[in-house]
Amino acid sequence: MNLQDHLKSGERYANTDLRKPCSKIVCYDGFDVSVQASSVHYSTPRDDEGPYTHVELGYPSEPVEAWAEYAEDPDDLIKTVYPYVPIGLVEAVLEAHGGVDWTATIKEKKE
């Protein structure tokens, strides 16, 4: 699995074309963050198909200075949303945290 696949993995709500949010991304060092992209998120393109060049982030488990300029609330880098963050920057930060632990990420989705 990769980040683009994960972003399209959300199930659909009953009787609608809208997707449920994806599970949080969990990294090997324990860092986690919500990464979303769809027709209702701050993403480019703003659709349910991708591939995505910019994504919406939210509520990282620790502040990430590399994302600070995108924060809706720059005074609280943990309890905020980050619209239109370049996906390459997201991937770089996830790699700096040891990469995505897909087993833990998928487990998060089931809980």
C-alpha atoms as a PDB file:
ATOM      1  CA  MET A   1       0.000   0.000   0.000  1.00  0.00           C
ATOM      2  CA  ASN A   2       1.075   3.598  -0.520  1.00  0.00           C
ATOM      3  CA  LEU A   3      -0.341   6.978   0.497  1.00  0.00           C
ATOM      4  CA  GLN A   4      -2.356   7.416  -2.721  1.00  0.00           C
ATOM      5  CA  ASP A   5      -3.998   3.999  -2.198  1.00  0.00           C
ATOM      6  CA  HIS A   6      -4.724   4.820   1.438  1.00  0.00           C
ATOM      7  CA  LEU A   7      -6.444   8.066   0.467  1.00  0.00           C
ATOM      8  CA  LYS A   8      -8.871   6.137  -1.736  1.00  0.00           C
ATOM      9  CA  SER A   9      -9.496   3.387   0.824  1.00  0.00           C
ATOM     10  CA  GLY A  10     -12.372   5.011   2.677  1.00  0.00           C
ATOM     11  CA  GLU A  11     -15.684   3.182   2.498  1.00  0.00           C
ATOM     12  CA  ARG A  12     -18.743   4.960   1.152  1.00  0.00           C
ATOM     13  CA  TYR A  13     -21.529   6.152   3.398  1.00  0.00           C
ATOM     14  CA  ALA A  14     -24.799   4.327   2.707  1.00  0.00           C
ATOM     15  CA  ASN A  15     -26.941   5.884  -0.029  1.00  0.00           C
ATOM     16  CA  THR A  16     -24.351   8.494  -0.987  1.00  0.00           C
ATOM     17  CA  ASP A  17     -21.213   8.948  -3.040  1.00  0.00           C
ATOM     18  CA  LEU A  18     -19.343  10.458  -0.078  1.00  0.00           C
ATOM     19  CA  ARG A  19     -16.459   8.516   1.412  1.00  0.00           C
ATOM     20  CA  LYS A  20     -15.877   8.006   5.111  1.00  0.00           C
ATOM     21  CA  PRO A  21     -12.602   9.462   6.413  1.00  0.00           C
ATOM     22  CA  CYS A  22      -9.472   7.325   6.128  1.00  0.00           C
ATOM     23  CA  SER A  23      -7.871   5.978   9.289  1.00  0.00           C
ATOM     24  CA  LYS A  24      -4.992   7.898  10.825  1.00  0.00           C
ATOM     25  CA  ILE A  25      -1.565   7.228   9.389  1.00  0.00           C
ATOM     26  CA  VAL A  26       0.684   5.591  11.990  1.00  0.00           C
ATOM     27  CA  CYS A  27       4.472   5.671  11.602  1.00  0.00           C
ATOM     28  CA  TYR A  28       6.999   3.175  12.937  1.00  0.00           C
ATOM     29  CA  ASP A  29       8.144   5.601  15.650  1.00  0.00           C
ATOM     30  CA  GLY A  30       4.568   6.058  16.910  1.00  0.00           C
ATOM     31  CA  PHE A  31       3.870   9.411  15.244  1.00  0.00           C
ATOM     32  CA  ASP A  32       0.359   9.639  13.804  1.00  0.00           C
ATOM     33  CA  VAL A  33      -1.643  12.118  11.756  1.00  0.00           C
ATOM     34  CA  SER A  34      -4.910  12.266   9.865  1.00  0.00           C
ATOM     35  CA  VAL A  35      -4.330  12.512   6.107  1.00  0.00           C
ATOM     36  CA  GLN A  36      -7.447  13.044   3.989  1.00  0.00           C
ATOM     37  CA  ALA A  37      -8.278  13.828   0.364  1.00  0.00           C
ATOM     38  CA  SER A  38     -11.681  13.808  -1.332  1.00  0.00           C
ATOM     39  CA  SER A  39     -14.389  16.036  -2.730  1.00  0.00           C
ATOM     40  CA  VAL A  40     -15.078  17.367   0.787  1.00  0.00           C
ATOM     41  CA  HIS A  41     -11.476  17.866   1.980  1.00  0.00           C
ATOM     42  CA  TYR A  42      -8.855  20.544   1.380  1.00  0.00           C
ATOM     43  CA  SER A  43      -7.090  18.576  -1.338  1.00  0.00           C
ATOM     44  CA  THR A  44      -6.009  18.923  -4.941  1.00  0.00           C
ATOM     45  CA  PRO A  45      -7.773  17.684  -6.898  1.00  0.00           C
ATOM     46  CA  ARG A  46     -10.897  18.106  -4.837  1.00  0.00           C
ATOM     47  CA  ASP A  47     -12.477  14.867  -5.967  1.00  0.00           C
ATOM     48  CA  ASP A  48     -12.683  11.227  -4.895  1.00  0.00           C
ATOM     49  CA  GLU A  49     -10.357   9.824  -7.546  1.00  0.00           C
ATOM     50  CA  GLY A  50      -6.938  11.512  -7.290  1.00  0.00           C
ATOM     51  CA  PRO A  51      -4.069  11.156  -7.778  1.00  0.00           C
ATOM     52  CA  TYR A  52      -3.585  13.880  -5.182  1.00  0.00           C
ATOM     53  CA  THR A  53      -0.896  16.555  -5.217  1.00  0.00           C
ATOM     54  CA  HIS A  54      -2.092  18.302  -2.037  1.00  0.00           C
ATOM     55  CA  VAL A  55      -3.891  16.805   0.967  1.00  0.00           C
ATOM     56  CA  GLU A  56      -5.601  17.839   4.181  1.00  0.00           C
ATOM     57  CA  LEU A  57      -3.817  16.980   7.418  1.00  0.00           C
ATOM     58  CA  GLY A  58      -5.113  17.134  10.944  1.00  0.00           C
ATOM     59  CA  TYR A  59      -4.214  16.603  14.545  1.00  0.00           C
ATOM     60  CA  PRO A  60      -0.654  15.270  14.371  1.00  0.00           C
ATOM     61  CA  SER A  61       0.529  13.561  17.549  1.00  0.00           C
ATOM     62  CA  GLU A  62       3.373  16.082  17.791  1.00  0.00           C
ATOM     63  CA  PRO A  63       4.118  19.455  16.159  1.00  0.00           C
ATOM     64  CA  VAL A  64       5.723  19.346  12.718  1.00  0.00           C
ATOM     65  CA  GLU A  65       7.548  22.569  11.895  1.00  0.00           C
ATOM     66  CA  ALA A  66       7.717  21.631   8.195  1.00  0.00           C
ATOM     67  CA  TRP A  67       3.909  21.904   8.072  1.00  0.00           C
ATOM     68  CA  ALA A  68       3.571  25.038  10.255  1.00  0.00           C
ATOM     69  CA  GLU A  69       2.961  27.444   7.372  1.00  0.00           C
ATOM     70  CA  TYR A  70      -0.158  25.459   6.400  1.00  0.00           C
ATOM     71  CA  ALA A  71      -1.704  25.355   9.902  1.00  0.00           C
ATOM     72  CA  GLU A  72      -5.121  26.940  10.356  1.00  0.00           C
ATOM     73  CA  ASP A  73      -4.099  27.628  13.983  1.00  0.00           C
ATOM     74  CA  PRO A  74      -0.379  28.399  14.062  1.00  0.00           C
ATOM     75  CA  ASP A  75      -0.549  28.746  17.857  1.00  0.00           C
ATOM     76  CA  ASP A  76      -1.505  25.080  18.337  1.00  0.00           C
ATOM     77  CA  LEU A  77       0.199  22.822  15.813  1.00  0.00           C
ATOM     78  CA  ILE A  78      -1.360  19.680  17.309  1.00  0.00           C
ATOM     79  CA  LYS A  79      -5.057  20.576  17.491  1.00  0.00           C
ATOM     80  CA  THR A  80      -5.449  22.067  14.039  1.00  0.00           C
ATOM     81  CA  VAL A  81      -6.118  21.285  10.392  1.00  0.00           C
ATOM     82  CA  TYR A  82      -3.565  21.830   7.632  1.00  0.00           C
ATOM     83  CA  PRO A  83      -5.230  22.485   4.253  1.00  0.00           C
ATOM     84  CA  TYR A  84      -3.595  21.869   0.876  1.00  0.00           C
ATOM     85  CA  VAL A  85      -0.248  20.463   2.068  1.00  0.00           C
ATOM     86  CA  PRO A  86       1.925  19.181  -0.812  1.00  0.00           C
ATOM     87  CA  ILE A  87       1.893  15.391  -0.732  1.00  0.00           C
ATOM     88  CA  GLY A  88       5.668  15.238  -1.258  1.00  0.00           C
ATOM     89  CA  LEU A  89       6.170  17.204   1.960  1.00  0.00           C
ATOM     90  CA  VAL A  90       3.803  14.842   3.786  1.00  0.00           C
ATOM     91  CA  GLU A  91       5.685  11.800   2.491  1.00  0.00           C
ATOM     92  CA  ALA A  92       9.030  13.333   3.541  1.00  0.00           C
ATOM     93  CA  VAL A  93       7.824  13.896   7.117  1.00  0.00           C
ATOM     94  CA  LEU A  94       6.349  10.390   7.318  1.00  0.00           C
ATOM     95  CA  GLU A  95       9.674   8.950   6.150  1.00  0.00           C
ATOM     96  CA  ALA A  96      11.499  11.028   8.780  1.00  0.00           C
ATOM     97  CA  HIS A  97       9.322   9.236  11.356  1.00  0.00           C
ATOM     98  CA  GLY A  98      10.502   5.834  10.136  1.00  0.00           C
ATOM     99  CA  GLY A  99       7.923   5.456   7.362  1.00  0.00           C
ATOM    100  CA  VAL A 100       4.301   4.366   7.496  1.00  0.00           C
ATOM    101  CA  ASP A 101       3.508   1.277   9.531  1.00  0.00           C
ATOM    102  CA  TRP A 102       0.710   0.004   7.282  1.00  0.00           C
ATOM    103  CA  THR A 103      -0.175  -2.832   9.668  1.00  0.00           C
ATOM    104  CA  ALA A 104      -0.770  -0.356  12.519  1.00  0.00           C
ATOM    105  CA  THR A 105      -2.567   2.045  10.172  1.00  0.00           C
ATOM    106  CA  ILE A 106      -4.945  -0.655   8.957  1.00  0.00           C
ATOM    107  CA  LYS A 107      -5.463  -1.847  12.549  1.00  0.00           C
ATOM    108  CA  GLU A 108      -6.385   1.746  13.492  1.00  0.00           C
ATOM    109  CA  LYS A 109      -9.096   1.634  10.828  1.00  0.00           C
ATOM    110  CA  LYS A 110     -10.657  -1.529  12.268  1.00  0.00           C
ATOM    111  CA  GLU A 111     -10.818  -0.194  15.845  1.00  0.00           C
END
